[in-house]
């Protein structure tokens, strides 16, 4: 699954899940969406892929609901989310 697919299907995810994505972050970045352990983790290693913490689903849902970019196509919204995460990491 990639980041674009997560945004496309955001309503199918639980608010207490977290997105981990392979860098560099693009709409096509491979992602894992998991329940974050209580201790929290920064990265997941699966084979040769390293998934870095990206964003919580509940925060992403709130961002998309209150987005000034709601008139943009989904790909552009995805790019704005990536930009937000990179600036606020």
PDB file of N, CA and C in Angstrom:
ATOM      1  N   UNK A   1       0.852  -1.161   0.000  1.00  0.00           N
ATOM      2  CA  UNK A   1       0.000   0.000   0.000  1.00  0.00           C
ATOM      3  C   UNK A   1       0.903   1.230   0.000  1.00  0.00           C
ATOM      4  N   UNK A   2       0.460   2.284  -0.674  1.00  0.00           N
ATOM      5  CA  UNK A   2       1.237   3.516  -0.674  1.00  0.00           C
ATOM      6  C   UNK A   2       0.462   4.636   0.018  1.00  0.00           C
ATOM      7  N   UNK A   3       1.134   5.757   0.212  1.00  0.00           N
ATOM      8  CA  UNK A   3       0.550   6.879   0.941  1.00  0.00           C
ATOM      9  C   UNK A   3      -0.701   7.412   0.249  1.00  0.00           C
ATOM     10  N   UNK A   4      -0.675   7.456  -1.068  1.00  0.00           N
ATOM     11  CA  UNK A   4      -1.831   7.928  -1.820  1.00  0.00           C
ATOM     12  C   UNK A   4      -3.050   7.049  -1.537  1.00  0.00           C
ATOM     13  N   UNK A   5      -2.861   5.732  -1.477  1.00  0.00           N
ATOM     14  CA  UNK A   5      -3.966   4.809  -1.199  1.00  0.00           C
ATOM     15  C   UNK A   5      -4.529   5.020   0.208  1.00  0.00           C
ATOM     16  N   UNK A   6      -3.662   5.355   1.156  1.00  0.00           N
ATOM     17  CA  UNK A   6      -4.134   5.635   2.514  1.00  0.00           C
ATOM     18  C   UNK A   6      -5.061   6.844   2.486  1.00  0.00           C
ATOM     19  N   UNK A   7      -4.660   7.910   1.812  1.00  0.00           N
ATOM     20  CA  UNK A   7      -5.515   9.094   1.728  1.00  0.00           C
ATOM     21  C   UNK A   7      -6.814   8.792   1.001  1.00  0.00           C
ATOM     22  N   UNK A   8      -6.717   8.012  -0.043  1.00  0.00           N
ATOM     23  CA  UNK A   8      -7.895   7.654  -0.818  1.00  0.00           C
ATOM     24  C   UNK A   8      -8.905   6.870   0.018  1.00  0.00           C
ATOM     25  N   UNK A   9      -8.399   6.049   0.943  1.00  0.00           N
ATOM     26  CA  UNK A   9      -9.250   5.182   1.761  1.00  0.00           C
ATOM     27  C   UNK A   9      -9.221   5.555   3.238  1.00  0.00           C
ATOM     28  N   UNK A  10      -9.017   6.818   3.545  1.00  0.00           N
ATOM     29  CA  UNK A  10      -8.822   7.260   4.925  1.00  0.00           C
ATOM     30  C   UNK A  10      -9.977   6.857   5.847  1.00  0.00           C
ATOM     31  N   UNK A  11     -11.177   6.784   5.333  1.00  0.00           N
ATOM     32  CA  UNK A  11     -12.331   6.440   6.175  1.00  0.00           C
ATOM     33  C   UNK A  11     -12.314   4.975   6.613  1.00  0.00           C
ATOM     34  N   UNK A  12     -11.485   4.152   5.992  1.00  0.00           N
ATOM     35  CA  UNK A  12     -11.413   2.737   6.344  1.00  0.00           C
ATOM     36  C   UNK A  12     -10.451   2.459   7.496  1.00  0.00           C
ATOM     37  N   UNK A  13      -9.724   3.479   7.937  1.00  0.00           N
ATOM     38  CA  UNK A  13      -8.730   3.284   8.982  1.00  0.00           C
ATOM     39  C   UNK A  13      -9.268   3.747  10.330  1.00  0.00           C
ATOM     40  N   UNK A  14      -8.738   3.139  11.370  1.00  0.00           N
ATOM     41  CA  UNK A  14      -9.112   3.454  12.735  1.00  0.00           C
ATOM     42  C   UNK A  14      -8.289   4.654  13.206  1.00  0.00           C
ATOM     43  N   UNK A  15      -8.908   5.554  13.939  1.00  0.00           N
ATOM     44  CA  UNK A  15      -8.237   6.764  14.395  1.00  0.00           C
ATOM     45  C   UNK A  15      -7.051   6.524  15.307  1.00  0.00           C
ATOM     46  N   UNK A  16      -6.967   5.346  15.911  1.00  0.00           N
ATOM     47  CA  UNK A  16      -5.838   5.098  16.810  1.00  0.00           C
ATOM     48  C   UNK A  16      -4.691   4.355  16.116  1.00  0.00           C
ATOM     49  N   UNK A  17      -4.703   4.330  14.794  1.00  0.00           N
ATOM     50  CA  UNK A  17      -3.609   3.733  14.037  1.00  0.00           C
ATOM     51  C   UNK A  17      -2.617   4.816  13.615  1.00  0.00           C
ATOM     52  N   UNK A  18      -1.432   4.381  13.261  1.00  0.00           N
ATOM     53  CA  UNK A  18      -0.361   5.304  12.880  1.00  0.00           C
ATOM     54  C   UNK A  18       0.225   4.876  11.536  1.00  0.00           C
ATOM     55  N   UNK A  19       0.604   5.861  10.747  1.00  0.00           N
ATOM     56  CA  UNK A  19       1.203   5.618   9.436  1.00  0.00           C
ATOM     57  C   UNK A  19       2.720   5.661   9.570  1.00  0.00           C
ATOM     58  N   UNK A  20       3.372   4.654   9.019  1.00  0.00           N
ATOM     59  CA  UNK A  20       4.819   4.597   8.891  1.00  0.00           C
ATOM     60  C   UNK A  20       5.112   4.493   7.404  1.00  0.00           C
ATOM     61  N   UNK A  21       6.044   5.307   6.905  1.00  0.00           N
ATOM     62  CA  UNK A  21       6.308   5.356   5.468  1.00  0.00           C
ATOM     63  C   UNK A  21       7.797   5.278   5.174  1.00  0.00           C
ATOM     64  N   UNK A  22       8.117   4.691   4.015  1.00  0.00           N
ATOM     65  CA  UNK A  22       9.497   4.605   3.549  1.00  0.00           C
ATOM     66  C   UNK A  22       9.888   5.960   2.969  1.00  0.00           C
ATOM     67  N   UNK A  23      11.045   6.464   3.379  1.00  0.00           N
ATOM     68  CA  UNK A  23      11.563   7.714   2.835  1.00  0.00           C
ATOM     69  C   UNK A  23      12.309   7.462   1.539  1.00  0.00           C
ATOM     70  N   UNK A  24      12.399   8.423   0.646  1.00  0.00           N
ATOM     71  CA  UNK A  24      11.837   9.763   0.733  1.00  0.00           C
ATOM     72  C   UNK A  24      10.320   9.726   0.566  1.00  0.00           C
ATOM     73  N   UNK A  25       9.633  10.595   1.297  1.00  0.00           N
ATOM     74  CA  UNK A  25       8.175  10.586   1.306  1.00  0.00           C
ATOM     75  C   UNK A  25       7.620  11.210   0.030  1.00  0.00           C
ATOM     76  N   UNK A  26       6.841  10.427  -0.668  1.00  0.00           N
ATOM     77  CA  UNK A  26       6.121  10.843  -1.869  1.00  0.00           C
ATOM     78  C   UNK A  26       4.752  10.184  -1.805  1.00  0.00           C
ATOM     79  N   UNK A  27       3.818  10.559  -2.667  1.00  0.00           N
ATOM     80  CA  UNK A  27       2.530   9.863  -2.689  1.00  0.00           C
ATOM     81  C   UNK A  27       2.668   8.362  -2.952  1.00  0.00           C
ATOM     82  N   UNK A  28       3.765   7.968  -3.595  1.00  0.00           N
ATOM     83  CA  UNK A  28       3.982   6.561  -3.923  1.00  0.00           C
ATOM     84  C   UNK A  28       4.795   5.814  -2.871  1.00  0.00           C
ATOM     85  N   UNK A  29       5.152   6.476  -1.769  1.00  0.00           N
ATOM     86  CA  UNK A  29       5.925   5.821  -0.715  1.00  0.00           C
ATOM     87  C   UNK A  29       5.149   4.649  -0.144  1.00  0.00           C
ATOM     88  N   UNK A  30       5.850   3.534   0.022  1.00  0.00           N
ATOM     89  CA  UNK A  30       5.235   2.364   0.625  1.00  0.00           C
ATOM     90  C   UNK A  30       4.993   2.652   2.102  1.00  0.00           C
ATOM     91  N   UNK A  31       3.826   2.242   2.604  1.00  0.00           N
ATOM     92  CA  UNK A  31       3.466   2.521   3.993  1.00  0.00           C
ATOM     93  C   UNK A  31       2.960   1.279   4.704  1.00  0.00           C
ATOM     94  N   UNK A  32       3.005   1.363   6.026  1.00  0.00           N
ATOM     95  CA  UNK A  32       2.378   0.404   6.921  1.00  0.00           C
ATOM     96  C   UNK A  32       1.497   1.228   7.855  1.00  0.00           C
ATOM     97  N   UNK A  33       0.277   0.780   8.075  1.00  0.00           N
ATOM     98  CA  UNK A  33      -0.616   1.442   9.022  1.00  0.00           C
ATOM     99  C   UNK A  33      -0.877   0.435  10.134  1.00  0.00           C
ATOM    100  N   UNK A  34      -0.442   0.792  11.347  1.00  0.00           N
ATOM    101  CA  UNK A  34      -0.541  -0.143  12.466  1.00  0.00           C
ATOM    102  C   UNK A  34      -1.020   0.572  13.724  1.00  0.00           C
ATOM    103  N   UNK A  35      -1.492  -0.203  14.688  1.00  0.00           N
ATOM    104  CA  UNK A  35      -1.760   0.337  16.014  1.00  0.00           C
ATOM    105  C   UNK A  35      -0.409   0.615  16.650  1.00  0.00           C
ATOM    106  N   UNK A  36      -0.210   1.831  17.079  1.00  0.00           N
ATOM    107  CA  UNK A  36       1.075   2.173  17.660  1.00  0.00           C
ATOM    108  C   UNK A  36       1.155   1.614  19.078  1.00  0.00           C
ATOM    109  N   UNK A  37       2.245   0.934  19.391  1.00  0.00           N
ATOM    110  CA  UNK A  37       2.405   0.411  20.753  1.00  0.00           C
ATOM    111  C   UNK A  37       2.446   1.546  21.768  1.00  0.00           C
ATOM    112  N   UNK A  38       2.067   1.256  23.006  1.00  0.00           N
ATOM    113  CA  UNK A  38       2.041   2.267  24.061  1.00  0.00           C
ATOM    114  C   UNK A  38       3.393   2.959  24.217  1.00  0.00           C
ATOM    115  N   UNK A  39       4.470   2.211  24.038  1.00  0.00           N
ATOM    116  CA  UNK A  39       5.805   2.792  24.164  1.00  0.00           C
ATOM    117  C   UNK A  39       6.140   3.703  22.989  1.00  0.00           C
ATOM    118  N   UNK A  40       5.424   3.559  21.889  1.00  0.00           N
ATOM    119  CA  UNK A  40       5.707   4.351  20.689  1.00  0.00           C
ATOM    120  C   UNK A  40       6.973   3.856  20.009  1.00  0.00           C
ATOM    121  N   UNK A  41       6.987   3.911  18.720  1.00  0.00           N
ATOM    122  CA  UNK A  41       8.176   3.525  17.973  1.00  0.00           C
ATOM    123  C   UNK A  41       8.392   4.526  16.853  1.00  0.00           C
ATOM    124  N   UNK A  42       9.634   4.713  16.505  1.00  0.00           N
ATOM    125  CA  UNK A  42       9.995   5.683  15.478  1.00  0.00           C
ATOM    126  C   UNK A  42      10.084   5.030  14.107  1.00  0.00           C
ATOM    127  N   UNK A  43      10.521   3.774  14.075  1.00  0.00           N
ATOM    128  CA  UNK A  43      10.633   3.108  12.783  1.00  0.00           C
ATOM    129  C   UNK A  43      10.371   1.615  12.903  1.00  0.00           C
ATOM    130  N   UNK A  44       9.919   1.070  11.766  1.00  0.00           N
ATOM    131  CA  UNK A  44       9.693  -0.367  11.634  1.00  0.00           C
ATOM    132  C   UNK A  44      10.658  -0.886  10.584  1.00  0.00           C
ATOM    133  N   UNK A  45      11.239  -2.019  10.853  1.00  0.00           N
ATOM    134  CA  UNK A  45      12.118  -2.651   9.862  1.00  0.00           C
ATOM    135  C   UNK A  45      11.435  -3.906   9.356  1.00  0.00           C
ATOM    136  N   UNK A  46      11.261  -3.976   8.045  1.00  0.00           N
ATOM    137  CA  UNK A  46      10.689  -5.166   7.415  1.00  0.00           C
ATOM    138  C   UNK A  46      11.559  -5.525   6.224  1.00  0.00           C
ATOM    139  N   UNK A  47      12.377  -6.545   6.419  1.00  0.00           N
ATOM    140  CA  UNK A  47      13.311  -6.912   5.368  1.00  0.00           C
ATOM    141  C   UNK A  47      14.283  -5.781   5.132  1.00  0.00           C
ATOM    142  N   UNK A  48      14.394  -5.376   3.889  1.00  0.00           N
ATOM    143  CA  UNK A  48      15.309  -4.280   3.542  1.00  0.00           C
ATOM    144  C   UNK A  48      14.647  -2.911   3.663  1.00  0.00           C
ATOM    145  N   UNK A  49      13.338  -2.879   3.916  1.00  0.00           N
ATOM    146  CA  UNK A  49      12.626  -1.607   4.016  1.00  0.00           C
ATOM    147  C   UNK A  49      12.611  -1.094   5.449  1.00  0.00           C
ATOM    148  N   UNK A  50      12.793   0.213   5.581  1.00  0.00           N
ATOM    149  CA  UNK A  50      12.703   0.871   6.878  1.00  0.00           C
ATOM    150  C   UNK A  50      11.550   1.872   6.788  1.00  0.00           C
ATOM    151  N   UNK A  51      10.524   1.645   7.603  1.00  0.00           N
ATOM    152  CA  UNK A  51       9.351   2.515   7.632  1.00  0.00           C
ATOM    153  C   UNK A  51       9.515   3.493   8.781  1.00  0.00           C
ATOM    154  N   UNK A  52       9.560   4.779   8.464  1.00  0.00           N
ATOM    155  CA  UNK A  52       9.714   5.828   9.466  1.00  0.00           C
ATOM    156  C   UNK A  52       8.337   6.321   9.915  1.00  0.00           C
ATOM    157  N   UNK A  53       8.261   6.724  11.186  1.00  0.00           N
ATOM    158  CA  UNK A  53       7.018   7.326  11.677  1.00  0.00           C
ATOM    159  C   UNK A  53       6.626   8.452  10.742  1.00  0.00           C
ATOM    160  N   UNK A  54       5.340   8.505  10.363  1.00  0.00           N
ATOM    161  CA  UNK A  54       4.855   9.559   9.471  1.00  0.00           C
ATOM    162  C   UNK A  54       3.813  10.425  10.169  1.00  0.00           C
ATOM    163  N   UNK A  55       2.665   9.834  10.528  1.00  0.00           N
ATOM    164  CA  UNK A  55       1.578  10.627  11.111  1.00  0.00           C
ATOM    165  C   UNK A  55       0.503   9.696  11.643  1.00  0.00           C
ATOM    166  N   UNK A  56      -0.216  10.146  12.676  1.00  0.00           N
ATOM    167  CA  UNK A  56      -1.342   9.381  13.200  1.00  0.00           C
ATOM    168  C   UNK A  56      -2.548   9.550  12.277  1.00  0.00           C
ATOM    169  N   UNK A  57      -3.334   8.498  12.143  1.00  0.00           N
ATOM    170  CA  UNK A  57      -4.529   8.537  11.286  1.00  0.00           C
ATOM    171  C   UNK A  57      -5.508   9.601  11.766  1.00  0.00           C
ATOM    172  N   UNK A  58      -5.740   9.696  13.089  1.00  0.00           N
ATOM    173  CA  UNK A  58      -6.722  10.676  13.572  1.00  0.00           C
ATOM    174  C   UNK A  58      -6.314  12.106  13.229  1.00  0.00           C
ATOM    175  N   UNK A  59      -5.031  12.413  13.309  1.00  0.00           N
ATOM    176  CA  UNK A  59      -4.561  13.745  12.940  1.00  0.00           C
ATOM    177  C   UNK A  59      -4.731  13.979  11.443  1.00  0.00           C
ATOM    178  N   UNK A  60      -4.430  12.973  10.642  1.00  0.00           N
ATOM    179  CA  UNK A  60      -4.612  13.090   9.198  1.00  0.00           C
ATOM    180  C   UNK A  60      -6.082  13.308   8.847  1.00  0.00           C
ATOM    181  N   UNK A  61      -6.979  12.590   9.491  1.00  0.00           N
ATOM    182  CA  UNK A  61      -8.412  12.764   9.245  1.00  0.00           C
ATOM    183  C   UNK A  61      -8.851  14.180   9.578  1.00  0.00           C
ATOM    184  N   UNK A  62      -8.378  14.720  10.700  1.00  0.00           N
ATOM    185  CA  UNK A  62      -8.719  16.096  11.089  1.00  0.00           C
ATOM    186  C   UNK A  62      -8.162  17.100  10.089  1.00  0.00           C
ATOM    187  N   UNK A  63      -6.925  16.862   9.646  1.00  0.00           N
ATOM    188  CA  UNK A  63      -6.317  17.762   8.665  1.00  0.00           C
ATOM    189  C   UNK A  63      -7.131  17.803   7.376  1.00  0.00           C
ATOM    190  N   UNK A  64      -7.563  16.634   6.916  1.00  0.00           N
ATOM    191  CA  UNK A  64      -8.305  16.577   5.659  1.00  0.00           C
ATOM    192  C   UNK A  64      -9.688  17.189   5.790  1.00  0.00           C
ATOM    193  N   UNK A  65     -10.312  17.061   6.946  1.00  0.00           N
ATOM    194  CA  UNK A  65     -11.645  17.642   7.164  1.00  0.00           C
ATOM    195  C   UNK A  65     -11.575  19.156   7.218  1.00  0.00           C
ATOM    196  N   UNK A  66     -10.510  19.690   7.792  1.00  0.00           N
ATOM    197  CA  UNK A  66     -10.381  21.136   7.990  1.00  0.00           C
ATOM    198  C   UNK A  66      -9.426  21.779   7.005  1.00  0.00           C
ATOM    199  N   UNK A  67      -9.138  21.091   5.922  1.00  0.00           N
ATOM    200  CA  UNK A  67      -8.112  21.532   4.991  1.00  0.00           C
ATOM    201  C   UNK A  67      -8.556  22.708   4.122  1.00  0.00           C
ATOM    202  N   UNK A  68      -7.702  23.728   4.042  1.00  0.00           N
ATOM    203  CA  UNK A  68      -7.966  24.808   3.086  1.00  0.00           C
ATOM    204  C   UNK A  68      -7.723  24.343   1.655  1.00  0.00           C
ATOM    205  N   UNK A  69      -7.202  23.128   1.509  1.00  0.00           N
ATOM    206  CA  UNK A  69      -6.895  22.583   0.196  1.00  0.00           C
ATOM    207  C   UNK A  69      -7.948  21.590  -0.284  1.00  0.00           C
ATOM    208  N   UNK A  70      -9.132  21.619   0.308  1.00  0.00           N
ATOM    209  CA  UNK A  70     -10.148  20.619  -0.017  1.00  0.00           C
ATOM    210  C   UNK A  70     -10.587  20.666  -1.480  1.00  0.00           C
ATOM    211  N   UNK A  71     -10.334  21.772  -2.151  1.00  0.00           N
ATOM    212  CA  UNK A  71     -10.685  21.859  -3.566  1.00  0.00           C
ATOM    213  C   UNK A  71      -9.588  21.305  -4.470  1.00  0.00           C
ATOM    214  N   UNK A  72      -8.458  20.943  -3.875  1.00  0.00           N
ATOM    215  CA  UNK A  72      -7.369  20.372  -4.664  1.00  0.00           C
ATOM    216  C   UNK A  72      -7.644  18.907  -4.952  1.00  0.00           C
ATOM    217  N   UNK A  73      -7.030  18.400  -5.995  1.00  0.00           N
ATOM    218  CA  UNK A  73      -7.143  16.967  -6.270  1.00  0.00           C
ATOM    219  C   UNK A  73      -6.444  16.203  -5.144  1.00  0.00           C
ATOM    220  N   UNK A  74      -6.762  14.944  -5.013  1.00  0.00           N
ATOM    221  CA  UNK A  74      -6.237  14.140  -3.917  1.00  0.00           C
ATOM    222  C   UNK A  74      -4.708  14.069  -3.933  1.00  0.00           C
ATOM    223  N   UNK A  75      -4.124  14.011  -5.107  1.00  0.00           N
ATOM    224  CA  UNK A  75      -2.652  13.962  -5.187  1.00  0.00           C
ATOM    225  C   UNK A  75      -2.040  15.233  -4.612  1.00  0.00           C
ATOM    226  N   UNK A  76      -2.618  16.386  -4.926  1.00  0.00           N
ATOM    227  CA  UNK A  76      -2.099  17.641  -4.384  1.00  0.00           C
ATOM    228  C   UNK A  76      -2.319  17.714  -2.868  1.00  0.00           C
ATOM    229  N   UNK A  77      -3.447  17.185  -2.391  1.00  0.00           N
ATOM    230  CA  UNK A  77      -3.671  17.133  -0.945  1.00  0.00           C
ATOM    231  C   UNK A  77      -2.603  16.261  -0.288  1.00  0.00           C
ATOM    232  N   UNK A  78      -2.267  15.160  -0.923  1.00  0.00           N
ATOM    233  CA  UNK A  78      -1.237  14.255  -0.416  1.00  0.00           C
ATOM    234  C   UNK A  78       0.099  14.994  -0.319  1.00  0.00           C
ATOM    235  N   UNK A  79       0.438  15.752  -1.328  1.00  0.00           N
ATOM    236  CA  UNK A  79       1.685  16.516  -1.312  1.00  0.00           C
ATOM    237  C   UNK A  79       1.684  17.545  -0.193  1.00  0.00           C
ATOM    238  N   UNK A  80       0.538  18.166   0.073  1.00  0.00           N
ATOM    239  CA  UNK A  80       0.427  19.133   1.174  1.00  0.00           C
ATOM    240  C   UNK A  80       0.611  18.452   2.526  1.00  0.00           C
ATOM    241  N   UNK A  81       0.070  17.254   2.679  1.00  0.00           N
ATOM    242  CA  UNK A  81       0.245  16.500   3.925  1.00  0.00           C
ATOM    243  C   UNK A  81       1.722  16.174   4.120  1.00  0.00           C
ATOM    244  N   UNK A  82       2.392  15.723   3.075  1.00  0.00           N
ATOM    245  CA  UNK A  82       3.821  15.420   3.166  1.00  0.00           C
ATOM    246  C   UNK A  82       4.594  16.669   3.564  1.00  0.00           C
ATOM    247  N   UNK A  83       4.261  17.779   2.949  1.00  0.00           N
ATOM    248  CA  UNK A  83       4.917  19.051   3.268  1.00  0.00           C
ATOM    249  C   UNK A  83       4.702  19.406   4.742  1.00  0.00           C
ATOM    250  N   UNK A  84       3.489  19.239   5.227  1.00  0.00           N
ATOM    251  CA  UNK A  84       3.183  19.516   6.638  1.00  0.00           C
ATOM    252  C   UNK A  84       4.020  18.637   7.559  1.00  0.00           C
ATOM    253  N   UNK A  85       4.070  17.336   7.264  1.00  0.00           N
ATOM    254  CA  UNK A  85       4.820  16.405   8.110  1.00  0.00           C
ATOM    255  C   UNK A  85       6.309  16.755   8.111  1.00  0.00           C
ATOM    256  N   UNK A  86       6.843  17.096   6.966  1.00  0.00           N
ATOM    257  CA  UNK A  86       8.271  17.416   6.887  1.00  0.00           C
ATOM    258  C   UNK A  86       8.589  18.695   7.660  1.00  0.00           C
ATOM    259  N   UNK A  87       7.687  19.659   7.657  1.00  0.00           N
ATOM    260  CA  UNK A  87       7.920  20.913   8.367  1.00  0.00           C
ATOM    261  C   UNK A  87       7.705  20.787   9.871  1.00  0.00           C
ATOM    262  N   UNK A  88       6.895  19.814  10.277  1.00  0.00           N
ATOM    263  CA  UNK A  88       6.536  19.690  11.693  1.00  0.00           C
ATOM    264  C   UNK A  88       7.122  18.457  12.366  1.00  0.00           C
ATOM    265  N   UNK A  89       8.035  17.794  11.698  1.00  0.00           N
ATOM    266  CA  UNK A  89       8.635  16.576  12.275  1.00  0.00           C
ATOM    267  C   UNK A  89       9.618  16.924  13.373  1.00  0.00           C
TER     268      UNK A  89
END
